[in-house]
């Protein structure tokens, strides 16, 4: 009898120059330990997005995001958004 498992993990974590973080999560379906299917989910988190940071749900990546989002980065991003509006 075959064993199926589903694993979800962060497969890409990119900090952009403006402080936004691009994330890609991969969900992999495995049959007897071999990958048979993959789907991807992507999002971009703006600096200081404390609600959406929960999407990271892994302390390692959450800590990286918090370290990248310094007060200076947040202020620069907010100023950039205000100019674009």
C-alpha atoms as a PDB file:
ATOM      1  CA  UNK A   1       0.000   0.000   0.000  1.00  0.00           C
ATOM      2  CA  UNK A   2       1.316   3.437  -0.954  1.00  0.00           C
ATOM      3  CA  UNK A   3       1.911   6.194   1.577  1.00  0.00           C
ATOM      4  CA  UNK A   4       1.072   9.762   0.583  1.00  0.00           C
ATOM      5  CA  UNK A   5       2.401  12.792   2.445  1.00  0.00           C
ATOM      6  CA  UNK A   6       2.071  16.535   1.929  1.00  0.00           C
ATOM      7  CA  UNK A   7       4.847  18.914   2.931  1.00  0.00           C
ATOM      8  CA  UNK A   8       4.719  22.719   2.796  1.00  0.00           C
ATOM      9  CA  UNK A   9       7.870  24.797   3.131  1.00  0.00           C
ATOM     10  CA  UNK A  10       9.268  28.212   2.212  1.00  0.00           C
ATOM     11  CA  UNK A  11      11.235  27.660  -0.975  1.00  0.00           C
ATOM     12  CA  UNK A  12      12.130  31.277  -1.740  1.00  0.00           C
ATOM     13  CA  UNK A  13      12.679  34.267   0.551  1.00  0.00           C
ATOM     14  CA  UNK A  14      13.957  37.415  -1.163  1.00  0.00           C
ATOM     15  CA  UNK A  15      14.464  40.800   0.480  1.00  0.00           C
ATOM     16  CA  UNK A  16      14.091  43.524  -2.153  1.00  0.00           C
ATOM     17  CA  UNK A  17      16.021  46.840  -2.081  1.00  0.00           C
ATOM     18  CA  UNK A  18      12.874  48.707  -0.938  1.00  0.00           C
ATOM     19  CA  UNK A  19      12.431  46.345   2.018  1.00  0.00           C
ATOM     20  CA  UNK A  20       9.601  44.260   0.579  1.00  0.00           C
ATOM     21  CA  UNK A  21      10.001  40.525   1.029  1.00  0.00           C
ATOM     22  CA  UNK A  22       9.007  38.102  -1.701  1.00  0.00           C
ATOM     23  CA  UNK A  23       7.993  34.683  -0.445  1.00  0.00           C
ATOM     24  CA  UNK A  24       7.268  31.474  -2.289  1.00  0.00           C
ATOM     25  CA  UNK A  25       5.868  28.471  -0.477  1.00  0.00           C
ATOM     26  CA  UNK A  26       5.979  25.051  -2.055  1.00  0.00           C
ATOM     27  CA  UNK A  27       3.494  22.317  -1.262  1.00  0.00           C
ATOM     28  CA  UNK A  28       4.859  18.971  -2.289  1.00  0.00           C
ATOM     29  CA  UNK A  29       2.874  15.746  -2.490  1.00  0.00           C
ATOM     30  CA  UNK A  30       4.964  12.635  -2.033  1.00  0.00           C
ATOM     31  CA  UNK A  31       4.153   9.019  -2.727  1.00  0.00           C
ATOM     32  CA  UNK A  32       6.369   6.593  -0.852  1.00  0.00           C
ATOM     33  CA  UNK A  33       8.883   9.395  -0.287  1.00  0.00           C
ATOM     34  CA  UNK A  34       9.121  10.490  -3.935  1.00  0.00           C
ATOM     35  CA  UNK A  35       7.751  13.845  -5.056  1.00  0.00           C
ATOM     36  CA  UNK A  36       4.836  13.377  -7.467  1.00  0.00           C
ATOM     37  CA  UNK A  37       3.361  16.895  -7.462  1.00  0.00           C
ATOM     38  CA  UNK A  38       4.247  20.459  -6.472  1.00  0.00           C
ATOM     39  CA  UNK A  39       2.196  23.620  -6.212  1.00  0.00           C
ATOM     40  CA  UNK A  40       3.428  27.108  -5.421  1.00  0.00           C
ATOM     41  CA  UNK A  41       1.967  30.047  -3.550  1.00  0.00           C
ATOM     42  CA  UNK A  42       3.582  33.491  -3.650  1.00  0.00           C
ATOM     43  CA  UNK A  43       3.156  36.791  -1.870  1.00  0.00           C
ATOM     44  CA  UNK A  44       5.054  40.010  -1.214  1.00  0.00           C
ATOM     45  CA  UNK A  45       5.142  41.483   2.274  1.00  0.00           C
ATOM     46  CA  UNK A  46       5.725  45.227   2.596  1.00  0.00           C
ATOM     47  CA  UNK A  47       7.953  46.461   5.433  1.00  0.00           C
ATOM     48  CA  UNK A  48       6.398  46.283   8.900  1.00  0.00           C
ATOM     49  CA  UNK A  49       3.438  44.169   7.776  1.00  0.00           C
ATOM     50  CA  UNK A  50       2.941  42.670  11.225  1.00  0.00           C
ATOM     51  CA  UNK A  51      -0.339  40.957  10.332  1.00  0.00           C
ATOM     52  CA  UNK A  52       0.886  39.208   7.210  1.00  0.00           C
ATOM     53  CA  UNK A  53       4.215  38.258   8.745  1.00  0.00           C
ATOM     54  CA  UNK A  54       2.319  35.294  10.199  1.00  0.00           C
ATOM     55  CA  UNK A  55       2.483  33.794   6.693  1.00  0.00           C
ATOM     56  CA  UNK A  56       6.119  33.068   7.457  1.00  0.00           C
ATOM     57  CA  UNK A  57       5.124  30.821  10.398  1.00  0.00           C
ATOM     58  CA  UNK A  58       8.738  29.837  10.900  1.00  0.00           C
ATOM     59  CA  UNK A  59      10.800  31.712  13.503  1.00  0.00           C
ATOM     60  CA  UNK A  60      13.922  31.748  11.319  1.00  0.00           C
ATOM     61  CA  UNK A  61      12.207  33.667   8.498  1.00  0.00           C
ATOM     62  CA  UNK A  62      10.181  35.862  10.851  1.00  0.00           C
ATOM     63  CA  UNK A  63      13.438  36.921  12.542  1.00  0.00           C
ATOM     64  CA  UNK A  64      15.028  37.715   9.165  1.00  0.00           C
ATOM     65  CA  UNK A  65      12.042  39.882   8.248  1.00  0.00           C
ATOM     66  CA  UNK A  66      12.139  41.737  11.548  1.00  0.00           C
ATOM     67  CA  UNK A  67      15.887  42.339  11.167  1.00  0.00           C
ATOM     68  CA  UNK A  68      15.413  43.671   7.624  1.00  0.00           C
ATOM     69  CA  UNK A  69      12.586  46.008   8.604  1.00  0.00           C
ATOM     70  CA  UNK A  70      14.567  48.622  10.487  1.00  0.00           C
ATOM     71  CA  UNK A  71      12.838  51.920  11.347  1.00  0.00           C
ATOM     72  CA  UNK A  72      14.804  53.546   8.504  1.00  0.00           C
ATOM     73  CA  UNK A  73      13.627  50.955   5.959  1.00  0.00           C
ATOM     74  CA  UNK A  74      10.017  51.326   7.095  1.00  0.00           C
ATOM     75  CA  UNK A  75      10.174  55.143   6.908  1.00  0.00           C
ATOM     76  CA  UNK A  76      11.757  55.059   3.428  1.00  0.00           C
ATOM     77  CA  UNK A  77       9.117  52.613   2.172  1.00  0.00           C
ATOM     78  CA  UNK A  78       6.273  54.706   3.593  1.00  0.00           C
ATOM     79  CA  UNK A  79       7.726  57.856   1.983  1.00  0.00           C
ATOM     80  CA  UNK A  80       8.007  56.036  -1.352  1.00  0.00           C
ATOM     81  CA  UNK A  81       4.364  54.925  -1.111  1.00  0.00           C
ATOM     82  CA  UNK A  82       3.225  58.452  -0.218  1.00  0.00           C
ATOM     83  CA  UNK A  83       4.982  59.865  -3.296  1.00  0.00           C
ATOM     84  CA  UNK A  84       3.353  57.251  -5.521  1.00  0.00           C
ATOM     85  CA  UNK A  85      -0.146  58.096  -4.256  1.00  0.00           C
END
